PDB file of N, CA and C in Angstrom:
ATOM      1  N   MET A   1     -79.078  71.784 -10.978  1.00  0.00           N
ATOM      2  CA  MET A   1     -80.317  71.084 -11.173  1.00  0.00           C
ATOM      3  C   MET A   1     -80.413  69.933 -10.179  1.00  0.00           C
ATOM      4  N   LYS A   2     -81.513  69.834  -9.534  1.00  0.00           N
ATOM      5  CA  LYS A   2     -81.708  68.788  -8.546  1.00  0.00           C
ATOM      6  C   LYS A   2     -82.259  67.533  -9.205  1.00  0.00           C
ATOM      7  N   LEU A   3     -81.829  66.394  -8.683  1.00  0.00           N
ATOM      8  CA  LEU A   3     -82.376  65.128  -9.141  1.00  0.00           C
ATOM      9  C   LEU A   3     -83.715  64.875  -8.465  1.00  0.00           C
ATOM     10  N   PRO A   4     -84.619  64.180  -9.147  1.00  0.00           N
ATOM     11  CA  PRO A   4     -85.865  63.798  -8.476  1.00  0.00           C
ATOM     12  C   PRO A   4     -85.537  62.993  -7.219  1.00  0.00           C
ATOM     13  N   SER A   5     -86.403  63.058  -6.243  1.00  0.00           N
ATOM     14  CA  SER A   5     -86.129  62.437  -4.946  1.00  0.00           C
ATOM     15  C   SER A   5     -85.832  60.948  -5.053  1.00  0.00           C
ATOM     16  N   GLU A   6     -86.454  60.235  -5.989  1.00  0.00           N
ATOM     17  CA  GLU A   6     -86.173  58.800  -6.146  1.00  0.00           C
ATOM     18  C   GLU A   6     -84.728  58.577  -6.556  1.00  0.00           C
ATOM     19  N   LEU A   7     -84.241  59.379  -7.474  1.00  0.00           N
ATOM     20  CA  LEU A   7     -82.857  59.250  -7.923  1.00  0.00           C
ATOM     21  C   LEU A   7     -81.886  59.665  -6.820  1.00  0.00           C
ATOM     22  N   GLN A   8     -82.265  60.674  -6.064  1.00  0.00           N
ATOM     23  CA  GLN A   8     -81.403  61.092  -4.961  1.00  0.00           C
ATOM     24  C   GLN A   8     -81.194  59.942  -3.988  1.00  0.00           C
ATOM     25  N   GLU A   9     -82.238  59.207  -3.699  1.00  0.00           N
ATOM     26  CA  GLU A   9     -82.147  58.064  -2.789  1.00  0.00           C
ATOM     27  C   GLU A   9     -81.182  57.013  -3.326  1.00  0.00           C
ATOM     28  N   LYS A  10     -81.273  56.740  -4.624  1.00  0.00           N
ATOM     29  CA  LYS A  10     -80.419  55.716  -5.235  1.00  0.00           C
ATOM     30  C   LYS A  10     -78.949  56.123  -5.208  1.00  0.00           C
ATOM     31  N   HIS A  11     -78.695  57.407  -5.306  1.00  0.00           N
ATOM     32  CA  HIS A  11     -77.318  57.872  -5.408  1.00  0.00           C
ATOM     33  C   HIS A  11     -76.683  58.204  -4.062  1.00  0.00           C
ATOM     34  N   ARG A  12     -77.424  58.090  -3.014  1.00  0.00           N
ATOM     35  CA  ARG A  12     -76.830  58.314  -1.694  1.00  0.00           C
ATOM     36  C   ARG A  12     -75.902  57.173  -1.371  1.00  0.00           C
ATOM     37  N   ARG A  13     -74.839  57.503  -0.717  1.00  0.00           N
ATOM     38  CA  ARG A  13     -73.898  56.464  -0.303  1.00  0.00           C
ATOM     39  C   ARG A  13     -74.513  55.662   0.822  1.00  0.00           C
ATOM     40  N   LYS A  14     -74.263  54.365   0.772  1.00  0.00           N
ATOM     41  CA  LYS A  14     -74.774  53.562   1.873  1.00  0.00           C
ATOM     42  C   LYS A  14     -73.964  53.898   3.116  1.00  0.00           C
ATOM     43  N   PRO A  15     -74.586  53.818   4.263  1.00  0.00           N
ATOM     44  CA  PRO A  15     -73.867  54.178   5.487  1.00  0.00           C
ATOM     45  C   PRO A  15     -72.678  53.237   5.713  1.00  0.00           C
ATOM     46  N   MET A  16     -71.633  53.795   6.253  1.00  0.00           N
ATOM     47  CA  MET A  16     -70.439  52.998   6.519  1.00  0.00           C
ATOM     48  C   MET A  16     -70.726  52.014   7.647  1.00  0.00           C
ATOM     49  N   ASP A  17     -70.121  50.842   7.524  1.00  0.00           N
ATOM     50  CA  ASP A  17     -70.245  49.861   8.593  1.00  0.00           C
ATOM     51  C   ASP A  17     -69.560  50.396   9.847  1.00  0.00           C
ATOM     52  N   SER A  18     -70.129  50.066  10.974  1.00  0.00           N
ATOM     53  CA  SER A  18     -69.492  50.441  12.231  1.00  0.00           C
ATOM     54  C   SER A  18     -68.278  49.547  12.438  1.00  0.00           C
ATOM     55  N   GLU A  19     -67.457  49.933  13.356  1.00  0.00           N
ATOM     56  CA  GLU A  19     -66.273  49.136  13.677  1.00  0.00           C
ATOM     57  C   GLU A  19     -66.684  47.730  14.114  1.00  0.00           C
ATOM     58  N   GLU A  20     -67.719  47.658  14.923  1.00  0.00           N
ATOM     59  CA  GLU A  20     -68.213  46.368  15.399  1.00  0.00           C
ATOM     60  C   GLU A  20     -68.681  45.488  14.234  1.00  0.00           C
ATOM     61  N   GLU A  21     -69.378  46.101  13.277  1.00  0.00           N
ATOM     62  CA  GLU A  21     -69.845  45.349  12.108  1.00  0.00           C
ATOM     63  C   GLU A  21     -68.663  44.863  11.264  1.00  0.00           C
ATOM     64  N   LEU A  22     -67.657  45.704  11.128  1.00  0.00           N
ATOM     65  CA  LEU A  22     -66.477  45.303  10.372  1.00  0.00           C
ATOM     66  C   LEU A  22     -65.758  44.136  11.047  1.00  0.00           C
ATOM     67  N   LEU A  23     -65.675  44.170  12.366  1.00  0.00           N
ATOM     68  CA  LEU A  23     -65.024  43.075  13.088  1.00  0.00           C
ATOM     69  C   LEU A  23     -65.804  41.768  12.932  1.00  0.00           C
ATOM     70  N   LYS A  24     -67.116  41.848  12.914  1.00  0.00           N
ATOM     71  CA  LYS A  24     -67.941  40.658  12.681  1.00  0.00           C
ATOM     72  C   LYS A  24     -67.693  40.105  11.275  1.00  0.00           C
ATOM     73  N   LYS A  25     -67.630  41.009  10.291  1.00  0.00           N
ATOM     74  CA  LYS A  25     -67.342  40.584   8.920  1.00  0.00           C
ATOM     75  C   LYS A  25     -65.969  39.923   8.847  1.00  0.00           C
ATOM     76  N   LEU A  26     -64.996  40.520   9.519  1.00  0.00           N
ATOM     77  CA  LEU A  26     -63.645  39.976   9.506  1.00  0.00           C
ATOM     78  C   LEU A  26     -63.638  38.552  10.058  1.00  0.00           C
ATOM     79  N   ASP A  27     -64.293  38.348  11.173  1.00  0.00           N
ATOM     80  CA  ASP A  27     -64.367  37.004  11.761  1.00  0.00           C
ATOM     81  C   ASP A  27     -65.027  36.018  10.803  1.00  0.00           C
ATOM     82  N   LEU A  28     -66.091  36.445  10.165  1.00  0.00           N
ATOM     83  CA  LEU A  28     -66.811  35.587   9.231  1.00  0.00           C
ATOM     84  C   LEU A  28     -65.928  35.216   8.038  1.00  0.00           C
ATOM     85  N   TYR A  29     -65.253  36.210   7.470  1.00  0.00           N
ATOM     86  CA  TYR A  29     -64.395  35.949   6.308  1.00  0.00           C
ATOM     87  C   TYR A  29     -63.221  35.045   6.677  1.00  0.00           C
ATOM     88  N   LYS A  30     -62.656  35.250   7.866  1.00  0.00           N
ATOM     89  CA  LYS A  30     -61.559  34.369   8.290  1.00  0.00           C
ATOM     90  C   LYS A  30     -62.075  32.948   8.475  1.00  0.00           C
ATOM     91  N   GLU A  31     -63.235  32.807   9.090  1.00  0.00           N
ATOM     92  CA  GLU A  31     -63.825  31.496   9.324  1.00  0.00           C
ATOM     93  C   GLU A  31     -64.081  30.760   8.009  1.00  0.00           C
ATOM     94  N   LYS A  32     -64.531  31.512   6.996  1.00  0.00           N
ATOM     95  CA  LYS A  32     -64.835  30.926   5.692  1.00  0.00           C
ATOM     96  C   LYS A  32     -63.609  30.884   4.779  1.00  0.00           C
ATOM     97  N   GLU A  33     -62.458  31.300   5.308  1.00  0.00           N
ATOM     98  CA  GLU A  33     -61.194  31.330   4.565  1.00  0.00           C
ATOM     99  C   GLU A  33     -61.286  32.200   3.310  1.00  0.00           C
ATOM    100  N   GLN A  34     -62.037  33.282   3.414  1.00  0.00           N
ATOM    101  CA  GLN A  34     -62.152  34.261   2.328  1.00  0.00           C
ATOM    102  C   GLN A  34     -61.181  35.404   2.642  1.00  0.00           C
ATOM    103  N   TYR A  35     -59.912  35.120   2.440  1.00  0.00           N
ATOM    104  CA  TYR A  35     -58.879  36.028   2.924  1.00  0.00           C
ATOM    105  C   TYR A  35     -58.778  37.333   2.137  1.00  0.00           C
ATOM    106  N   SER A  36     -59.120  37.322   0.878  1.00  0.00           N
ATOM    107  CA  SER A  36     -59.101  38.578   0.109  1.00  0.00           C
ATOM    108  C   SER A  36     -60.148  39.550   0.646  1.00  0.00           C
ATOM    109  N   LYS A  37     -61.325  39.021   0.962  1.00  0.00           N
ATOM    110  CA  LYS A  37     -62.371  39.863   1.544  1.00  0.00           C
ATOM    111  C   LYS A  37     -61.966  40.315   2.946  1.00  0.00           C
ATOM    112  N   ALA A  38     -61.346  39.412   3.696  1.00  0.00           N
ATOM    113  CA  ALA A  38     -60.890  39.757   5.044  1.00  0.00           C
ATOM    114  C   ALA A  38     -59.861  40.880   4.989  1.00  0.00           C
ATOM    115  N   LEU A  39     -58.989  40.830   3.990  1.00  0.00           N
ATOM    116  CA  LEU A  39     -57.974  41.875   3.859  1.00  0.00           C
ATOM    117  C   LEU A  39     -58.600  43.235   3.589  1.00  0.00           C
ATOM    118  N   LYS A  40     -59.639  43.276   2.800  1.00  0.00           N
ATOM    119  CA  LYS A  40     -60.334  44.549   2.548  1.00  0.00           C
ATOM    120  C   LYS A  40     -60.890  45.123   3.845  1.00  0.00           C
ATOM    121  N   VAL A  41     -61.445  44.251   4.681  1.00  0.00           N
ATOM    122  CA  VAL A  41     -61.978  44.701   5.962  1.00  0.00           C
ATOM    123  C   VAL A  41     -60.832  45.216   6.842  1.00  0.00           C
ATOM    124  N   CYS A  42     -59.728  44.477   6.871  1.00  0.00           N
ATOM    125  CA  CYS A  42     -58.571  44.914   7.669  1.00  0.00           C
ATOM    126  C   CYS A  42     -58.085  46.289   7.222  1.00  0.00           C
ATOM    127  N   ARG A  43     -58.025  46.485   5.927  1.00  0.00           N
ATOM    128  CA  ARG A  43     -57.572  47.778   5.404  1.00  0.00           C
ATOM    129  C   ARG A  43     -58.508  48.907   5.820  1.00  0.00           C
ATOM    130  N   GLU A  44     -59.808  48.624   5.810  1.00  0.00           N
ATOM    131  CA  GLU A  44     -60.772  49.636   6.240  1.00  0.00           C
ATOM    132  C   GLU A  44     -60.591  49.945   7.723  1.00  0.00           C
ATOM    133  N   LEU A  45     -60.400  48.925   8.529  1.00  0.00           N
ATOM    134  CA  LEU A  45     -60.182  49.138   9.963  1.00  0.00           C
ATOM    135  C   LEU A  45     -58.918  49.958  10.202  1.00  0.00           C
ATOM    136  N   LEU A  46     -57.849  49.632   9.474  1.00  0.00           N
ATOM    137  CA  LEU A  46     -56.596  50.375   9.647  1.00  0.00           C
ATOM    138  C   LEU A  46     -56.691  51.799   9.097  1.00  0.00           C
ATOM    139  N   LYS A  47     -57.543  52.001   8.108  1.00  0.00           N
ATOM    140  CA  LYS A  47     -57.751  53.359   7.594  1.00  0.00           C
ATOM    141  C   LYS A  47     -58.359  54.226   8.698  1.00  0.00           C
ATOM    142  N   ARG A  48     -59.248  53.624   9.457  1.00  0.00           N
ATOM    143  CA  ARG A  48     -59.913  54.353  10.537  1.00  0.00           C
ATOM    144  C   ARG A  48     -59.006  54.536  11.750  1.00  0.00           C
ATOM    145  N   LYS A  49     -58.213  53.509  12.046  1.00  0.00           N
ATOM    146  CA  LYS A  49     -57.322  53.563  13.210  1.00  0.00           C
ATOM    147  C   LYS A  49     -55.967  52.982  12.823  1.00  0.00           C
ATOM    148  N   PRO A  50     -55.123  53.787  12.190  1.00  0.00           N
ATOM    149  CA  PRO A  50     -53.864  53.282  11.623  1.00  0.00           C
ATOM    150  C   PRO A  50     -52.886  52.683  12.637  1.00  0.00           C
ATOM    151  N   ASP A  51     -52.952  53.099  13.873  1.00  0.00           N
ATOM    152  CA  ASP A  51     -52.001  52.596  14.868  1.00  0.00           C
ATOM    153  C   ASP A  51     -52.626  51.592  15.831  1.00  0.00           C
ATOM    154  N   HIS A  52     -53.739  51.010  15.450  1.00  0.00           N
ATOM    155  CA  HIS A  52     -54.419  50.031  16.309  1.00  0.00           C
ATOM    156  C   HIS A  52     -53.702  48.687  16.158  1.00  0.00           C
ATOM    157  N   ILE A  53     -53.000  48.277  17.192  1.00  0.00           N
ATOM    158  CA  ILE A  53     -52.138  47.094  17.106  1.00  0.00           C
ATOM    159  C   ILE A  53     -52.941  45.829  16.808  1.00  0.00           C
ATOM    160  N   ASP A  54     -54.104  45.650  17.410  1.00  0.00           N
ATOM    161  CA  ASP A  54     -54.895  44.444  17.125  1.00  0.00           C
ATOM    162  C   ASP A  54     -55.305  44.372  15.656  1.00  0.00           C
ATOM    163  N   TYR A  55     -55.609  45.517  15.063  1.00  0.00           N
ATOM    164  CA  TYR A  55     -55.961  45.519  13.642  1.00  0.00           C
ATOM    165  C   TYR A  55     -54.735  45.182  12.794  1.00  0.00           C
ATOM    166  N   MET A  56     -53.577  45.654  13.246  1.00  0.00           N
ATOM    167  CA  MET A  56     -52.348  45.303  12.537  1.00  0.00           C
ATOM    168  C   MET A  56     -52.072  43.806  12.630  1.00  0.00           C
ATOM    169  N   TYR A  57     -52.278  43.216  13.816  1.00  0.00           N
ATOM    170  CA  TYR A  57     -52.092  41.772  13.973  1.00  0.00           C
ATOM    171  C   TYR A  57     -52.993  41.001  13.018  1.00  0.00           C
ATOM    172  N   ASN A  58     -54.257  41.380  12.998  1.00  0.00           N
ATOM    173  CA  ASN A  58     -55.193  40.698  12.098  1.00  0.00           C
ATOM    174  C   ASN A  58     -54.734  40.801  10.650  1.00  0.00           C
ATOM    175  N   THR A  59     -54.269  41.964  10.273  1.00  0.00           N
ATOM    176  CA  THR A  59     -53.804  42.163   8.904  1.00  0.00           C
ATOM    177  C   THR A  59     -52.580  41.297   8.629  1.00  0.00           C
ATOM    178  N   CYS A  60     -51.674  41.196   9.585  1.00  0.00           N
ATOM    179  CA  CYS A  60     -50.497  40.333   9.423  1.00  0.00           C
ATOM    180  C   CYS A  60     -50.909  38.882   9.202  1.00  0.00           C
ATOM    181  N   ILE A  61     -51.880  38.430   9.968  1.00  0.00           N
ATOM    182  CA  ILE A  61     -52.364  37.053   9.829  1.00  0.00           C
ATOM    183  C   ILE A  61     -52.932  36.830   8.429  1.00  0.00           C
ATOM    184  N   ILE A  62     -53.733  37.777   7.974  1.00  0.00           N
ATOM    185  CA  ILE A  62     -54.336  37.648   6.641  1.00  0.00           C
ATOM    186  C   ILE A  62     -53.256  37.676   5.568  1.00  0.00           C
ATOM    187  N   TYR A  63     -52.284  38.573   5.709  1.00  0.00           N
ATOM    188  CA  TYR A  63     -51.168  38.588   4.751  1.00  0.00           C
ATOM    189  C   TYR A  63     -50.487  37.225   4.714  1.00  0.00           C
ATOM    190  N   GLY A  64     -50.319  36.618   5.863  1.00  0.00           N
ATOM    191  CA  GLY A  64     -49.695  35.294   5.918  1.00  0.00           C
ATOM    192  C   GLY A  64     -50.496  34.265   5.135  1.00  0.00           C
ATOM    193  N   PHE A  65     -51.817  34.257   5.324  1.00  0.00           N
ATOM    194  CA  PHE A  65     -52.658  33.314   4.596  1.00  0.00           C
ATOM    195  C   PHE A  65     -52.617  33.562   3.097  1.00  0.00           C
ATOM    196  N   LEU A  66     -52.431  34.810   2.717  1.00  0.00           N
ATOM    197  CA  LEU A  66     -52.375  35.157   1.293  1.00  0.00           C
ATOM    198  C   LEU A  66     -50.970  35.014   0.714  1.00  0.00           C
ATOM    199  N   GLY A  67     -50.017  34.638   1.561  1.00  0.00           N
ATOM    200  CA  GLY A  67     -48.646  34.459   1.093  1.00  0.00           C
ATOM    201  C   GLY A  67     -47.891  35.761   0.883  1.00  0.00           C
ATOM    202  N   GLU A  68     -48.397  36.841   1.433  1.00  0.00           N
ATOM    203  CA  GLU A  68     -47.759  38.155   1.272  1.00  0.00           C
ATOM    204  C   GLU A  68     -46.853  38.413   2.481  1.00  0.00           C
ATOM    205  N   ILE A  69     -45.789  37.628   2.543  1.00  0.00           N
ATOM    206  CA  ILE A  69     -44.902  37.628   3.699  1.00  0.00           C
ATOM    207  C   ILE A  69     -44.184  38.964   3.869  1.00  0.00           C
ATOM    208  N   ASN A  70     -43.784  39.580   2.776  1.00  0.00           N
ATOM    209  CA  ASN A  70     -43.085  40.874   2.883  1.00  0.00           C
ATOM    210  C   ASN A  70     -43.978  41.935   3.526  1.00  0.00           C
ATOM    211  N   LYS A  71     -45.250  41.919   3.180  1.00  0.00           N
ATOM    212  CA  LYS A  71     -46.175  42.891   3.765  1.00  0.00           C
ATOM    213  C   LYS A  71     -46.405  42.595   5.241  1.00  0.00           C
ATOM    214  N   ALA A  72     -46.496  41.306   5.582  1.00  0.00           N
ATOM    215  CA  ALA A  72     -46.649  40.922   6.989  1.00  0.00           C
ATOM    216  C   ALA A  72     -45.422  41.367   7.789  1.00  0.00           C
ATOM    217  N   GLU A  73     -44.258  41.172   7.208  1.00  0.00           N
ATOM    218  CA  GLU A  73     -43.024  41.571   7.883  1.00  0.00           C
ATOM    219  C   GLU A  73     -42.982  43.085   8.104  1.00  0.00           C
ATOM    220  N   ALA A  74     -43.316  43.840   7.085  1.00  0.00           N
ATOM    221  CA  ALA A  74     -43.302  45.304   7.198  1.00  0.00           C
ATOM    222  C   ALA A  74     -44.267  45.784   8.277  1.00  0.00           C
ATOM    223  N   LEU A  75     -45.430  45.165   8.339  1.00  0.00           N
ATOM    224  CA  LEU A  75     -46.416  45.573   9.335  1.00  0.00           C
ATOM    225  C   LEU A  75     -45.962  45.203  10.744  1.00  0.00           C
ATOM    226  N   ASN A  76     -45.290  44.067  10.889  1.00  0.00           N
ATOM    227  CA  ASN A  76     -44.736  43.710  12.195  1.00  0.00           C
ATOM    228  C   ASN A  76     -43.674  44.720  12.632  1.00  0.00           C
ATOM    229  N   HIS A  77     -42.876  45.200  11.692  1.00  0.00           N
ATOM    230  CA  HIS A  77     -41.888  46.235  12.018  1.00  0.00           C
ATOM    231  C   HIS A  77     -42.584  47.525  12.456  1.00  0.00           C
ATOM    232  N   LYS A  78     -43.707  47.836  11.830  1.00  0.00           N
ATOM    233  CA  LYS A  78     -44.470  49.032  12.220  1.00  0.00           C
ATOM    234  C   LYS A  78     -44.980  48.878  13.656  1.00  0.00           C
ATOM    235  N   ILE A  79     -45.438  47.671  13.996  1.00  0.00           N
ATOM    236  CA  ILE A  79     -45.885  47.402  15.369  1.00  0.00           C
ATOM    237  C   ILE A  79     -44.732  47.636  16.337  1.00  0.00           C
ATOM    238  N   LEU A  80     -43.541  47.174  15.970  1.00  0.00           N
ATOM    239  CA  LEU A  80     -42.382  47.339  16.848  1.00  0.00           C
ATOM    240  C   LEU A  80     -41.973  48.803  16.993  1.00  0.00           C
ATOM    241  N   LYS A  81     -42.265  49.624  15.995  1.00  0.00           N
ATOM    242  CA  LYS A  81     -41.994  51.057  16.146  1.00  0.00           C
ATOM    243  C   LYS A  81     -42.906  51.668  17.204  1.00  0.00           C
ATOM    244  N   LEU A  82     -44.118  51.112  17.309  1.00  0.00           N
ATOM    245  CA  LEU A  82     -45.055  51.601  18.324  1.00  0.00           C
ATOM    246  C   LEU A  82     -44.739  51.026  19.701  1.00  0.00           C
ATOM    247  N   ASN A  83     -44.262  49.800  19.724  1.00  0.00           N
ATOM    248  CA  ASN A  83     -43.927  49.120  20.978  1.00  0.00           C
ATOM    249  C   ASN A  83     -42.777  48.164  20.707  1.00  0.00           C
ATOM    250  N   GLN A  84     -41.564  48.616  20.997  1.00  0.00           N
ATOM    251  CA  GLN A  84     -40.376  47.839  20.623  1.00  0.00           C
ATOM    252  C   GLN A  84     -40.259  46.494  21.326  1.00  0.00           C
ATOM    253  N   ASN A  85     -41.009  46.281  22.385  1.00  0.00           N
ATOM    254  CA  ASN A  85     -40.954  45.018  23.115  1.00  0.00           C
ATOM    255  C   ASN A  85     -42.193  44.155  22.876  1.00  0.00           C
ATOM    256  N   ASP A  86     -42.936  44.427  21.827  1.00  0.00           N
ATOM    257  CA  ASP A  86     -44.161  43.675  21.565  1.00  0.00           C
ATOM    258  C   ASP A  86     -43.806  42.219  21.256  1.00  0.00           C
ATOM    259  N   ALA A  87     -44.185  41.332  22.169  1.00  0.00           N
ATOM    260  CA  ALA A  87     -43.812  39.922  22.062  1.00  0.00           C
ATOM    261  C   ALA A  87     -44.394  39.269  20.809  1.00  0.00           C
ATOM    262  N   ASP A  88     -45.653  39.565  20.501  1.00  0.00           N
ATOM    263  CA  ASP A  88     -46.282  38.936  19.333  1.00  0.00           C
ATOM    264  C   ASP A  88     -45.584  39.334  18.039  1.00  0.00           C
ATOM    265  N   ALA A  89     -45.245  40.595  17.901  1.00  0.00           N
ATOM    266  CA  ALA A  89     -44.554  41.046  16.685  1.00  0.00           C
ATOM    267  C   ALA A  89     -43.172  40.413  16.588  1.00  0.00           C
ATOM    268  N   LEU A  90     -42.484  40.310  17.712  1.00  0.00           N
ATOM    269  CA  LEU A  90     -41.160  39.679  17.703  1.00  0.00           C
ATOM    270  C   LEU A  90     -41.258  38.199  17.331  1.00  0.00           C
ATOM    271  N   ILE A  91     -42.255  37.524  17.879  1.00  0.00           N
ATOM    272  CA  ILE A  91     -42.463  36.110  17.542  1.00  0.00           C
ATOM    273  C   ILE A  91     -42.804  35.966  16.063  1.00  0.00           C
ATOM    274  N   ASN A  92     -43.698  36.831  15.575  1.00  0.00           N
ATOM    275  CA  ASN A  92     -44.076  36.778  14.159  1.00  0.00           C
ATOM    276  C   ASN A  92     -42.869  36.968  13.250  1.00  0.00           C
ATOM    277  N   LEU A  93     -42.017  37.923  13.590  1.00  0.00           N
ATOM    278  CA  LEU A  93     -40.823  38.150  12.770  1.00  0.00           C
ATOM    279  C   LEU A  93     -39.898  36.941  12.817  1.00  0.00           C
ATOM    280  N   GLY A  94     -39.795  36.320  13.985  1.00  0.00           N
ATOM    281  CA  GLY A  94     -38.985  35.104  14.092  1.00  0.00           C
ATOM    282  C   GLY A  94     -39.530  33.999  13.215  1.00  0.00           C
ATOM    283  N   GLN A  95     -40.840  33.855  13.191  1.00  0.00           N
ATOM    284  CA  GLN A  95     -41.472  32.830  12.358  1.00  0.00           C
ATOM    285  C   GLN A  95     -41.272  33.123  10.872  1.00  0.00           C
ATOM    286  N   ILE A  96     -41.341  34.382  10.509  1.00  0.00           N
ATOM    287  CA  ILE A  96     -41.111  34.762   9.109  1.00  0.00           C
ATOM    288  C   ILE A  96     -39.689  34.406   8.705  1.00  0.00           C
ATOM    289  N   LYS A  97     -38.721  34.734   9.569  1.00  0.00           N
ATOM    290  CA  LYS A  97     -37.318  34.399   9.265  1.00  0.00           C
ATOM    291  C   LYS A  97     -37.139  32.889   9.142  1.00  0.00           C
ATOM    292  N   GLU A  98     -37.807  32.140  10.019  1.00  0.00           N
ATOM    293  CA  GLU A  98     -37.722  30.685   9.972  1.00  0.00           C
ATOM    294  C   GLU A  98     -38.311  30.150   8.658  1.00  0.00           C
ATOM    295  N   MET A  99     -39.459  30.702   8.254  1.00  0.00           N
ATOM    296  CA  MET A  99     -40.081  30.280   6.996  1.00  0.00           C
ATOM    297  C   MET A  99     -39.154  30.555   5.819  1.00  0.00           C
ATOM    298  N   ARG A 100     -38.528  31.698   5.825  1.00  0.00           N
ATOM    299  CA  ARG A 100     -37.621  32.045   4.724  1.00  0.00           C
ATOM    300  C   ARG A 100     -36.401  31.141   4.710  1.00  0.00           C
ATOM    301  N   ALA A 101     -35.895  30.810   5.897  1.00  0.00           N
ATOM    302  CA  ALA A 101     -34.729  29.928   5.987  1.00  0.00           C
ATOM    303  C   ALA A 101     -35.076  28.533   5.437  1.00  0.00           C
ATOM    304  N   LYS A 102     -36.263  28.031   5.784  1.00  0.00           N
ATOM    305  CA  LYS A 102     -36.678  26.727   5.288  1.00  0.00           C
ATOM    306  C   LYS A 102     -36.823  26.751   3.770  1.00  0.00           C
ATOM    307  N   LYS A 103     -37.374  27.848   3.261  1.00  0.00           N
ATOM    308  CA  LYS A 103     -37.541  27.960   1.813  1.00  0.00           C
ATOM    309  C   LYS A 103     -36.178  27.988   1.136  1.00  0.00           C
ATOM    310  N   THR A 104     -35.259  28.754   1.709  1.00  0.00           N
ATOM    311  CA  THR A 104     -33.912  28.837   1.145  1.00  0.00           C
ATOM    312  C   THR A 104     -33.244  27.461   1.198  1.00  0.00           C
ATOM    313  N   GLU A 105     -33.418  26.778   2.303  1.00  0.00           N
ATOM    314  CA  GLU A 105     -32.842  25.427   2.445  1.00  0.00           C
ATOM    315  C   GLU A 105     -33.469  24.477   1.436  1.00  0.00           C
ATOM    316  N   ALA A 106     -34.780  24.566   1.272  1.00  0.00           N
ATOM    317  CA  ALA A 106     -35.479  23.685   0.333  1.00  0.00           C
ATOM    318  C   ALA A 106     -35.058  23.959  -1.112  1.00  0.00           C
ATOM    319  N   GLU A 107     -34.734  25.211  -1.421  1.00  0.00           N
ATOM    320  CA  GLU A 107     -34.336  25.553  -2.786  1.00  0.00           C
ATOM    321  C   GLU A 107     -32.996  24.929  -3.172  1.00  0.00           C
ATOM    322  N   LYS A 108     -32.214  24.521  -2.185  1.00  0.00           N
ATOM    323  CA  LYS A 108     -30.922  23.887  -2.481  1.00  0.00           C
ATOM    324  C   LYS A 108     -31.119  22.536  -3.160  1.00  0.00           C
ATOM    325  N   TYR A 109     -32.287  21.920  -2.941  1.00  0.00           N
ATOM    326  CA  TYR A 109     -32.520  20.564  -3.464  1.00  0.00           C
ATOM    327  C   TYR A 109     -33.259  20.604  -4.721  1.00  0.00           C
TER     328      TYR A 109
END
């Protein structure tokens, strides 16, 4: 049974945002410090292009703002699997280790 044309219109999926539109949304959410929304955009971008290093970097940054350090670390390791000499991923991992060391040191007091 077919739905009346008005109902068909309501039930159609809205068109997916283009990559460019998603990147604009990501910038806006980061600017407004809406990191949960930014993470959703990052996930959508990575769903479309799972090995896109810039999208992985953005996701790592958002994970950092959300305090999800383990996820940021795992994603940096994934970047290194794609490019073992990636300077940004190596620096990020160094910073993560430094943050953990400071936390461990602070917990002593």
